Structure formats: structure tokens, C-alpha cells
PDB file of N, CA and C in Angstrom:
ATOM      1  N   UNK A   1     -97.634  21.246 -50.829  1.00  0.00           N
ATOM      2  CA  UNK A   1     -96.194  21.576 -49.321  1.00  0.00           C
ATOM      3  C   UNK A   1     -96.523  20.178 -48.793  1.00  0.00           C
ATOM      4  N   UNK A   2     -95.382  19.304 -49.049  1.00  0.00           N
ATOM      5  CA  UNK A   2     -95.202  17.873 -48.392  1.00  0.00           C
ATOM      6  C   UNK A   2     -95.144  17.933 -47.221  1.00  0.00           C
ATOM      7  N   UNK A   3     -95.460  16.826 -47.007  1.00  0.00           N
ATOM      8  CA  UNK A   3     -95.800  17.396 -45.105  1.00  0.00           C
ATOM      9  C   UNK A   3     -95.197  15.573 -44.462  1.00  0.00           C
ATOM     10  N   UNK A   4     -94.065  16.274 -44.152  1.00  0.00           N
ATOM     11  CA  UNK A   4     -93.284  15.163 -43.286  1.00  0.00           C
ATOM     12  C   UNK A   4     -92.394  15.258 -42.196  1.00  0.00           C
ATOM     13  N   UNK A   5     -91.852  14.439 -41.341  1.00  0.00           N
ATOM     14  CA  UNK A   5     -91.842  14.947 -39.775  1.00  0.00           C
ATOM     15  C   UNK A   5     -91.740  16.502 -39.637  1.00  0.00           C
ATOM     16  N   UNK A   6     -90.029  16.012 -40.283  1.00  0.00           N
ATOM     17  CA  UNK A   6     -89.407  17.405 -40.280  1.00  0.00           C
ATOM     18  C   UNK A   6     -90.229  18.754 -40.943  1.00  0.00           C
ATOM     19  N   UNK A   7     -90.291  18.716 -41.549  1.00  0.00           N
ATOM     20  CA  UNK A   7     -91.746  20.214 -42.888  1.00  0.00           C
ATOM     21  C   UNK A   7     -92.728  19.956 -41.432  1.00  0.00           C
ATOM     22  N   UNK A   8     -93.219  19.503 -40.989  1.00  0.00           N
ATOM     23  CA  UNK A   8     -93.998  20.004 -40.305  1.00  0.00           C
ATOM     24  C   UNK A   8     -93.848  20.650 -38.889  1.00  0.00           C
ATOM     25  N   UNK A   9     -92.875  20.866 -38.216  1.00  0.00           N
ATOM     26  CA  UNK A   9     -92.102  20.981 -37.112  1.00  0.00           C
ATOM     27  C   UNK A   9     -91.972  22.692 -37.468  1.00  0.00           C
ATOM     28  N   UNK A  10     -91.774  22.990 -38.194  1.00  0.00           N
ATOM     29  CA  UNK A  10     -91.992  24.666 -38.733  1.00  0.00           C
ATOM     30  C   UNK A  10     -93.274  25.200 -38.320  1.00  0.00           C
ATOM     31  N   UNK A  11     -94.222  24.115 -38.740  1.00  0.00           N
ATOM     32  CA  UNK A  11     -95.568  24.827 -37.971  1.00  0.00           C
ATOM     33  C   UNK A  11     -96.385  23.999 -37.366  1.00  0.00           C
ATOM     34  N   UNK A  12     -95.634  23.410 -36.429  1.00  0.00           N
ATOM     35  CA  UNK A  12     -96.530  22.315 -35.661  1.00  0.00           C
ATOM     36  C   UNK A  12     -97.139  23.212 -34.255  1.00  0.00           C
ATOM     37  N   UNK A  13     -96.440  24.783 -34.301  1.00  0.00           N
ATOM     38  CA  UNK A  13     -97.125  24.834 -32.977  1.00  0.00           C
ATOM     39  C   UNK A  13     -98.804  25.600 -33.391  1.00  0.00           C
ATOM     40  N   UNK A  14     -98.944  25.837 -35.239  1.00  0.00           N
ATOM     41  CA  UNK A  14    -100.167  26.532 -35.298  1.00  0.00           C
ATOM     42  C   UNK A  14    -101.498  25.470 -35.865  1.00  0.00           C
ATOM     43  N   UNK A  15    -100.740  24.067 -35.798  1.00  0.00           N
ATOM     44  CA  UNK A  15    -102.236  23.339 -35.882  1.00  0.00           C
ATOM     45  C   UNK A  15    -102.111  21.782 -34.719  1.00  0.00           C
ATOM     46  N   UNK A  16    -103.021  21.649 -34.450  1.00  0.00           N
ATOM     47  CA  UNK A  16    -103.370  20.762 -32.988  1.00  0.00           C
ATOM     48  C   UNK A  16    -103.216  19.208 -33.624  1.00  0.00           C
ATOM     49  N   UNK A  17    -104.035  18.957 -35.350  1.00  0.00           N
ATOM     50  CA  UNK A  17    -103.708  17.848 -35.743  1.00  0.00           C
ATOM     51  C   UNK A  17    -102.879  17.366 -36.283  1.00  0.00           C
ATOM     52  N   UNK A  18    -102.138  18.767 -36.480  1.00  0.00           N
ATOM     53  CA  UNK A  18    -100.230  18.236 -36.828  1.00  0.00           C
ATOM     54  C   UNK A  18     -99.138  18.230 -36.148  1.00  0.00           C
ATOM     55  N   UNK A  19     -99.858  18.563 -35.210  1.00  0.00           N
ATOM     56  CA  UNK A  19     -98.599  18.103 -33.738  1.00  0.00           C
ATOM     57  C   UNK A  19     -98.710  16.784 -33.667  1.00  0.00           C
ATOM     58  N   UNK A  20    -100.702  16.335 -33.493  1.00  0.00           N
ATOM     59  CA  UNK A  20    -100.615  15.017 -32.907  1.00  0.00           C
ATOM     60  C   UNK A  20    -100.149  13.998 -34.370  1.00  0.00           C
ATOM     61  N   UNK A  21     -99.815  14.198 -35.408  1.00  0.00           N
ATOM     62  CA  UNK A  21     -99.687  13.580 -36.436  1.00  0.00           C
ATOM     63  C   UNK A  21     -98.215  13.205 -36.434  1.00  0.00           C
ATOM     64  N   UNK A  22     -97.268  14.408 -35.921  1.00  0.00           N
ATOM     65  CA  UNK A  22     -96.102  14.364 -35.358  1.00  0.00           C
ATOM     66  C   UNK A  22     -95.902  13.793 -34.303  1.00  0.00           C
ATOM     67  N   UNK A  23     -96.022  13.843 -33.377  1.00  0.00           N
ATOM     68  CA  UNK A  23     -96.108  12.703 -32.233  1.00  0.00           C
ATOM     69  C   UNK A  23     -96.217  11.330 -32.449  1.00  0.00           C
ATOM     70  N   UNK A  24     -97.510  10.759 -32.897  1.00  0.00           N
ATOM     71  CA  UNK A  24     -97.625   9.542 -33.069  1.00  0.00           C
ATOM     72  C   UNK A  24     -96.328   9.098 -34.813  1.00  0.00           C
ATOM     73  N   UNK A  25     -96.025   9.922 -35.510  1.00  0.00           N
ATOM     74  CA  UNK A  25     -95.232   9.440 -35.967  1.00  0.00           C
ATOM     75  C   UNK A  25     -93.987   9.384 -35.986  1.00  0.00           C
ATOM     76  N   UNK A  26     -93.328  10.407 -35.060  1.00  0.00           N
ATOM     77  CA  UNK A  26     -91.955   9.832 -34.152  1.00  0.00           C
ATOM     78  C   UNK A  26     -92.053   8.027 -33.205  1.00  0.00           C
ATOM     79  N   UNK A  27     -93.062   8.733 -32.452  1.00  0.00           N
ATOM     80  CA  UNK A  27     -92.743   7.575 -31.700  1.00  0.00           C
ATOM     81  C   UNK A  27     -92.981   6.043 -32.478  1.00  0.00           C
ATOM     82  N   UNK A  28     -93.515   6.299 -33.854  1.00  0.00           N
ATOM     83  CA  UNK A  28     -93.546   4.998 -34.236  1.00  0.00           C
ATOM     84  C   UNK A  28     -92.878   4.630 -35.242  1.00  0.00           C
ATOM     85  N   UNK A  29     -91.249   6.304 -35.367  1.00  0.00           N
ATOM     86  CA  UNK A  29     -90.574   5.449 -35.855  1.00  0.00           C
ATOM     87  C   UNK A  29     -90.798   5.834 -37.905  1.00  0.00           C
ATOM     88  N   UNK A  30     -91.666   6.760 -37.766  1.00  0.00           N
ATOM     89  CA  UNK A  30     -92.114   6.156 -39.063  1.00  0.00           C
ATOM     90  C   UNK A  30     -92.983   8.167 -39.835  1.00  0.00           C
ATOM     91  N   UNK A  31     -92.641   8.110 -41.225  1.00  0.00           N
ATOM     92  CA  UNK A  31     -92.859   9.336 -41.439  1.00  0.00           C
ATOM     93  C   UNK A  31     -94.807   9.742 -41.773  1.00  0.00           C
ATOM     94  N   UNK A  32     -95.244  10.451 -41.562  1.00  0.00           N
ATOM     95  CA  UNK A  32     -96.068  11.342 -41.454  1.00  0.00           C
ATOM     96  C   UNK A  32     -97.662  10.448 -42.751  1.00  0.00           C
ATOM     97  N   UNK A  33     -97.017  10.643 -43.782  1.00  0.00           N
ATOM     98  CA  UNK A  33     -97.434  10.175 -44.843  1.00  0.00           C
ATOM     99  C   UNK A  33     -98.142   8.320 -45.060  1.00  0.00           C
ATOM    100  N   UNK A  34     -97.401   7.736 -44.259  1.00  0.00           N
ATOM    101  CA  UNK A  34     -97.098   6.875 -44.279  1.00  0.00           C
ATOM    102  C   UNK A  34     -98.096   5.626 -43.116  1.00  0.00           C
ATOM    103  N   UNK A  35     -98.806   6.645 -42.563  1.00  0.00           N
ATOM    104  CA  UNK A  35     -99.953   6.763 -41.528  1.00  0.00           C
ATOM    105  C   UNK A  35    -101.111   6.640 -42.067  1.00  0.00           C
ATOM    106  N   UNK A  36    -102.161   6.864 -41.675  1.00  0.00           N
ATOM    107  CA  UNK A  36    -103.150   6.142 -42.164  1.00  0.00           C
ATOM    108  C   UNK A  36    -104.332   7.646 -41.978  1.00  0.00           C
ATOM    109  N   UNK A  37    -104.850   8.654 -42.927  1.00  0.00           N
ATOM    110  CA  UNK A  37    -105.121   9.990 -42.534  1.00  0.00           C
ATOM    111  C   UNK A  37    -105.631  10.261 -41.109  1.00  0.00           C
ATOM    112  N   UNK A  38    -105.743  10.972 -40.109  1.00  0.00           N
ATOM    113  CA  UNK A  38    -106.773  11.415 -39.189  1.00  0.00           C
ATOM    114  C   UNK A  38    -107.848  11.900 -39.856  1.00  0.00           C
ATOM    115  N   UNK A  39    -108.703  11.970 -40.442  1.00  0.00           N
ATOM    116  CA  UNK A  39    -109.886  11.751 -40.397  1.00  0.00           C
ATOM    117  C   UNK A  39    -110.768  10.606 -40.647  1.00  0.00           C
ATOM    118  N   UNK A  40    -110.496   9.146 -40.626  1.00  0.00           N
ATOM    119  CA  UNK A  40    -110.632   8.616 -40.180  1.00  0.00           C
ATOM    120  C   UNK A  40    -111.216   7.742 -39.048  1.00  0.00           C
ATOM    121  N   UNK A  41    -110.787   8.801 -37.677  1.00  0.00           N
ATOM    122  CA  UNK A  41    -110.427   8.656 -36.491  1.00  0.00           C
ATOM    123  C   UNK A  41    -111.261   9.458 -36.509  1.00  0.00           C
ATOM    124  N   UNK A  42    -111.243  10.771 -36.318  1.00  0.00           N
ATOM    125  CA  UNK A  42    -111.552  12.155 -35.875  1.00  0.00           C
ATOM    126  C   UNK A  42    -111.836  13.169 -37.075  1.00  0.00           C
ATOM    127  N   UNK A  43    -112.742  13.722 -36.775  1.00  0.00           N
ATOM    128  CA  UNK A  43    -113.086  15.066 -37.772  1.00  0.00           C
ATOM    129  C   UNK A  43    -111.364  16.030 -37.158  1.00  0.00           C
ATOM    130  N   UNK A  44    -110.741  16.534 -38.104  1.00  0.00           N
ATOM    131  CA  UNK A  44    -109.774  17.409 -37.702  1.00  0.00           C
ATOM    132  C   UNK A  44    -110.047  18.478 -38.028  1.00  0.00           C
ATOM    133  N   UNK A  45    -111.191  19.175 -38.193  1.00  0.00           N
ATOM    134  CA  UNK A  45    -111.865  20.938 -38.230  1.00  0.00           C
ATOM    135  C   UNK A  45    -112.407  20.725 -36.796  1.00  0.00           C
ATOM    136  N   UNK A  46    -113.014  19.087 -36.725  1.00  0.00           N
ATOM    137  CA  UNK A  46    -113.745  19.843 -35.055  1.00  0.00           C
ATOM    138  C   UNK A  46    -112.220  20.166 -33.877  1.00  0.00           C
ATOM    139  N   UNK A  47    -111.384  19.489 -34.255  1.00  0.00           N
ATOM    140  CA  UNK A  47    -110.512  20.014 -32.918  1.00  0.00           C
ATOM    141  C   UNK A  47    -110.028  20.918 -33.224  1.00  0.00           C
ATOM    142  N   UNK A  48    -109.260  21.235 -34.154  1.00  0.00           N
ATOM    143  CA  UNK A  48    -109.116  23.095 -34.991  1.00  0.00           C
ATOM    144  C   UNK A  48    -109.630  23.494 -33.985  1.00  0.00           C
ATOM    145  N   UNK A  49    -111.444  23.509 -34.585  1.00  0.00           N
ATOM    146  CA  UNK A  49    -112.086  24.737 -33.275  1.00  0.00           C
ATOM    147  C   UNK A  49    -112.083  24.901 -32.258  1.00  0.00           C
ATOM    148  N   UNK A  50    -111.612  23.147 -31.257  1.00  0.00           N
ATOM    149  CA  UNK A  50    -112.220  22.756 -30.482  1.00  0.00           C
ATOM    150  C   UNK A  50    -111.599  24.428 -30.317  1.00  0.00           C
ATOM    151  N   UNK A  51    -110.380  23.961 -30.562  1.00  0.00           N
ATOM    152  CA  UNK A  51    -108.984  24.753 -29.729  1.00  0.00           C
ATOM    153  C   UNK A  51    -108.789  26.398 -30.273  1.00  0.00           C
ATOM    154  N   UNK A  52    -110.222  26.891 -31.271  1.00  0.00           N
ATOM    155  CA  UNK A  52    -109.888  28.283 -31.280  1.00  0.00           C
ATOM    156  C   UNK A  52    -110.691  28.957 -30.752  1.00  0.00           C
ATOM    157  N   UNK A  53    -111.761  28.127 -30.545  1.00  0.00           N
ATOM    158  CA  UNK A  53    -113.043  28.113 -29.736  1.00  0.00           C
ATOM    159  C   UNK A  53    -112.522  28.121 -27.773  1.00  0.00           C
ATOM    160  N   UNK A  54    -111.205  27.396 -27.631  1.00  0.00           N
ATOM    161  CA  UNK A  54    -110.504  27.347 -26.071  1.00  0.00           C
ATOM    162  C   UNK A  54    -112.042  26.662 -25.225  1.00  0.00           C
ATOM    163  N   UNK A  55    -111.920  27.146 -24.063  1.00  0.00           N
ATOM    164  CA  UNK A  55    -112.865  27.532 -23.261  1.00  0.00           C
ATOM    165  C   UNK A  55    -112.381  25.514 -22.309  1.00  0.00           C
ATOM    166  N   UNK A  56    -112.880  24.229 -21.746  1.00  0.00           N
ATOM    167  CA  UNK A  56    -112.885  23.965 -21.103  1.00  0.00           C
ATOM    168  C   UNK A  56    -113.149  22.262 -21.736  1.00  0.00           C
ATOM    169  N   UNK A  57    -113.402  22.491 -22.660  1.00  0.00           N
ATOM    170  CA  UNK A  57    -113.533  21.437 -23.706  1.00  0.00           C
ATOM    171  C   UNK A  57    -112.890  20.051 -23.822  1.00  0.00           C
ATOM    172  N   UNK A  58    -112.619  18.958 -23.821  1.00  0.00           N
ATOM    173  CA  UNK A  58    -111.758  18.099 -24.374  1.00  0.00           C
ATOM    174  C   UNK A  58    -112.376  16.796 -25.109  1.00  0.00           C
ATOM    175  N   UNK A  59    -111.551  16.063 -26.203  1.00  0.00           N
ATOM    176  CA  UNK A  59    -112.135  15.347 -26.668  1.00  0.00           C
ATOM    177  C   UNK A  59    -111.234  14.339 -26.500  1.00  0.00           C
ATOM    178  N   UNK A  60    -111.749  12.901 -26.627  1.00  0.00           N
ATOM    179  CA  UNK A  60    -110.260  12.163 -26.658  1.00  0.00           C
ATOM    180  C   UNK A  60    -111.139  10.925 -27.875  1.00  0.00           C
ATOM    181  N   UNK A  61    -109.825  10.267 -28.532  1.00  0.00           N
ATOM    182  CA  UNK A  61    -110.648   9.555 -29.578  1.00  0.00           C
ATOM    183  C   UNK A  61    -109.021   8.287 -29.612  1.00  0.00           C
ATOM    184  N   UNK A  62    -109.392   7.133 -30.593  1.00  0.00           N
ATOM    185  CA  UNK A  62    -107.864   6.037 -30.000  1.00  0.00           C
ATOM    186  C   UNK A  62    -107.780   6.796 -31.865  1.00  0.00           C
ATOM    187  N   UNK A  63    -106.468   7.322 -32.150  1.00  0.00           N
ATOM    188  CA  UNK A  63    -105.884   7.195 -33.659  1.00  0.00           C
ATOM    189  C   UNK A  63    -104.344   6.044 -33.491  1.00  0.00           C
ATOM    190  N   UNK A  64    -104.254   4.750 -34.864  1.00  0.00           N
ATOM    191  CA  UNK A  64    -103.260   3.933 -34.569  1.00  0.00           C
ATOM    192  C   UNK A  64    -102.688   3.125 -33.435  1.00  0.00           C
ATOM    193  N   UNK A  65    -103.534   2.884 -32.689  1.00  0.00           N
ATOM    194  CA  UNK A  65    -102.751   2.541 -31.129  1.00  0.00           C
ATOM    195  C   UNK A  65    -102.821   2.810 -29.844  1.00  0.00           C
ATOM    196  N   UNK A  66    -103.259   4.845 -30.187  1.00  0.00           N
ATOM    197  CA  UNK A  66    -102.943   5.315 -29.511  1.00  0.00           C
ATOM    198  C   UNK A  66    -104.010   5.885 -29.245  1.00  0.00           C
ATOM    199  N   UNK A  67    -104.282   6.383 -27.559  1.00  0.00           N
ATOM    200  CA  UNK A  67    -105.059   7.022 -27.055  1.00  0.00           C
ATOM    201  C   UNK A  67    -104.743   8.446 -26.927  1.00  0.00           C
ATOM    202  N   UNK A  68    -105.043   9.207 -27.768  1.00  0.00           N
ATOM    203  CA  UNK A  68    -105.237  10.704 -28.406  1.00  0.00           C
ATOM    204  C   UNK A  68    -106.246  12.096 -27.255  1.00  0.00           C
ATOM    205  N   UNK A  69    -106.297  12.585 -26.163  1.00  0.00           N
ATOM    206  CA  UNK A  69    -106.380  13.986 -25.905  1.00  0.00           C
ATOM    207  C   UNK A  69    -106.351  14.920 -25.989  1.00  0.00           C
ATOM    208  N   UNK A  70    -107.409  15.848 -26.689  1.00  0.00           N
ATOM    209  CA  UNK A  70    -107.161  17.684 -26.648  1.00  0.00           C
ATOM    210  C   UNK A  70    -107.972  18.220 -26.284  1.00  0.00           C
ATOM    211  N   UNK A  71    -107.405  19.067 -25.447  1.00  0.00           N
ATOM    212  CA  UNK A  71    -107.800  20.140 -24.539  1.00  0.00           C
ATOM    213  C   UNK A  71    -108.734  21.883 -24.971  1.00  0.00           C
ATOM    214  N   UNK A  72    -109.046  22.013 -24.527  1.00  0.00           N
ATOM    215  CA  UNK A  72    -109.346  23.162 -25.421  1.00  0.00           C
ATOM    216  C   UNK A  72    -108.674  24.639 -25.429  1.00  0.00           C
ATOM    217  N   UNK A  73    -107.068  24.096 -24.834  1.00  0.00           N
ATOM    218  CA  UNK A  73    -105.908  24.987 -24.656  1.00  0.00           C
ATOM    219  C   UNK A  73    -105.267  24.358 -25.941  1.00  0.00           C
ATOM    220  N   UNK A  74    -105.255  23.608 -26.271  1.00  0.00           N
ATOM    221  CA  UNK A  74    -104.988  23.189 -27.215  1.00  0.00           C
ATOM    222  C   UNK A  74    -103.326  21.910 -26.823  1.00  0.00           C
ATOM    223  N   UNK A  75    -103.344  21.672 -25.604  1.00  0.00           N
ATOM    224  CA  UNK A  75    -103.009  20.516 -24.900  1.00  0.00           C
ATOM    225  C   UNK A  75    -103.568  19.558 -25.796  1.00  0.00           C
ATOM    226  N   UNK A  76    -102.400  17.929 -26.133  1.00  0.00           N
ATOM    227  CA  UNK A  76    -102.115  17.323 -26.426  1.00  0.00           C
ATOM    228  C   UNK A  76    -101.331  16.128 -25.868  1.00  0.00           C
ATOM    229  N   UNK A  77    -102.576  15.325 -25.443  1.00  0.00           N
ATOM    230  CA  UNK A  77    -101.395  13.579 -24.997  1.00  0.00           C
ATOM    231  C   UNK A  77    -101.961  13.108 -25.715  1.00  0.00           C
ATOM    232  N   UNK A  78    -100.551  12.139 -26.335  1.00  0.00           N
ATOM    233  CA  UNK A  78    -100.499  11.240 -26.886  1.00  0.00           C
ATOM    234  C   UNK A  78    -100.229   9.661 -25.792  1.00  0.00           C
ATOM    235  N   UNK A  79    -100.711   8.549 -25.822  1.00  0.00           N
ATOM    236  CA  UNK A  79    -100.216   7.730 -24.581  1.00  0.00           C
ATOM    237  C   UNK A  79    -101.222   6.610 -25.730  1.00  0.00           C
ATOM    238  N   UNK A  80     -99.997   5.216 -25.229  1.00  0.00           N
ATOM    239  CA  UNK A  80    -100.468   4.481 -26.590  1.00  0.00           C
ATOM    240  C   UNK A  80    -101.026   3.039 -25.198  1.00  0.00           C
ATOM    241  N   UNK A  81    -101.952   3.094 -26.313  1.00  0.00           N
ATOM    242  CA  UNK A  81    -103.396   1.991 -25.433  1.00  0.00           C
ATOM    243  C   UNK A  81    -102.985   1.102 -24.917  1.00  0.00           C
ATOM    244  N   UNK A  82    -103.713   0.205 -23.644  1.00  0.00           N
ATOM    245  CA  UNK A  82    -102.958  -0.275 -23.452  1.00  0.00           C
ATOM    246  C   UNK A  82    -102.244   0.199 -22.013  1.00  0.00           C
ATOM    247  N   UNK A  83    -101.400   0.669 -22.023  1.00  0.00           N
ATOM    248  CA  UNK A  83    -100.288   1.231 -20.489  1.00  0.00           C
ATOM    249  C   UNK A  83    -101.159   2.427 -19.905  1.00  0.00           C
ATOM    250  N   UNK A  84    -102.038   1.570 -18.935  1.00  0.00           N
ATOM    251  CA  UNK A  84    -102.990   1.783 -17.877  1.00  0.00           C
ATOM    252  C   UNK A  84    -101.679   3.015 -16.375  1.00  0.00           C
ATOM    253  N   UNK A  85    -100.631   2.717 -17.271  1.00  0.00           N
ATOM    254  CA  UNK A  85     -99.743   3.804 -15.513  1.00  0.00           C
ATOM    255  C   UNK A  85     -99.878   4.966 -16.464  1.00  0.00           C
ATOM    256  N   UNK A  86     -99.800   5.518 -17.543  1.00  0.00           N
ATOM    257  CA  UNK A  86     -99.461   6.576 -17.326  1.00  0.00           C
ATOM    258  C   UNK A  86     -97.869   7.153 -18.444  1.00  0.00           C
ATOM    259  N   UNK A  87     -97.677   6.357 -17.879  1.00  0.00           N
ATOM    260  CA  UNK A  87     -95.948   6.271 -18.323  1.00  0.00           C
ATOM    261  C   UNK A  87     -95.557   7.204 -19.567  1.00  0.00           C
ATOM    262  N   UNK A  88     -96.239   6.649 -20.407  1.00  0.00           N
ATOM    263  CA  UNK A  88     -96.091   6.249 -21.891  1.00  0.00           C
ATOM    264  C   UNK A  88     -96.486   7.219 -22.287  1.00  0.00           C
ATOM    265  N   UNK A  89     -97.331   8.594 -21.416  1.00  0.00           N
ATOM    266  CA  UNK A  89     -98.185   9.457 -22.522  1.00  0.00           C
ATOM    267  C   UNK A  89     -97.106  10.407 -22.359  1.00  0.00           C
ATOM    268  N   UNK A  90     -97.644  11.641 -23.518  1.00  0.00           N
ATOM    269  CA  UNK A  90     -96.141  12.475 -23.702  1.00  0.00           C
ATOM    270  C   UNK A  90     -97.274  13.469 -23.880  1.00  0.00           C
ATOM    271  N   UNK A  91     -96.942  15.054 -23.753  1.00  0.00           N
ATOM    272  CA  UNK A  91     -97.694  16.251 -24.391  1.00  0.00           C
ATOM    273  C   UNK A  91     -97.382  17.013 -24.776  1.00  0.00           C
ATOM    274  N   UNK A  92     -98.045  17.465 -26.327  1.00  0.00           N
ATOM    275  CA  UNK A  92     -97.425  18.180 -27.138  1.00  0.00           C
ATOM    276  C   UNK A  92     -97.466  19.424 -27.351  1.00  0.00           C
TER     277      UNK A  92
END
């Protein structure tokens, strides 16, 4: 499968890593394939396991100039670094 923003949208509900990539790509106005691999910032398998097992755990990391937070329920928050107001945060 070719991973572009449009083709990822259909499967995004199934993968937290894809939701992160789509959100950042949309905010950057670029295609997912033109961005650095997510695994350079975080272990994608660990993110998926966090969501699969649920619970109160939460992980935050930096990816492409964004602060990304994922909780055990699969909620994703993406905030541009340097924006302390929280107004630039988006949940996906």
C-alpha cells in the first residue's frame, strides 16, 4: 500500500502511529512519505502496545518540531513546540 495522507485516512482509526503521521503531515502541508520516519523519534510498536493494553500510561516525545503525547486510551495530542499556550494543540 502507498501511504499518502488520503490513503491513510481510511485506516487511521486502527493505528495510533498513522494518526500521528497524518496529523503532523496535515499541519506541515506535506505528504507522509516526505517526512522523516517516526521510528527515528519513538518506537512505533511500543506506541501500539501502549494503546492495545490501555490503562493510565502516557508517553510524550518530539517529532518534526511537534510535542506528541499518546495516552493508554489511544488519544493523541499534537502541539507545535514553542507554543506554551496550548492553543495550537490538536487531539486526533
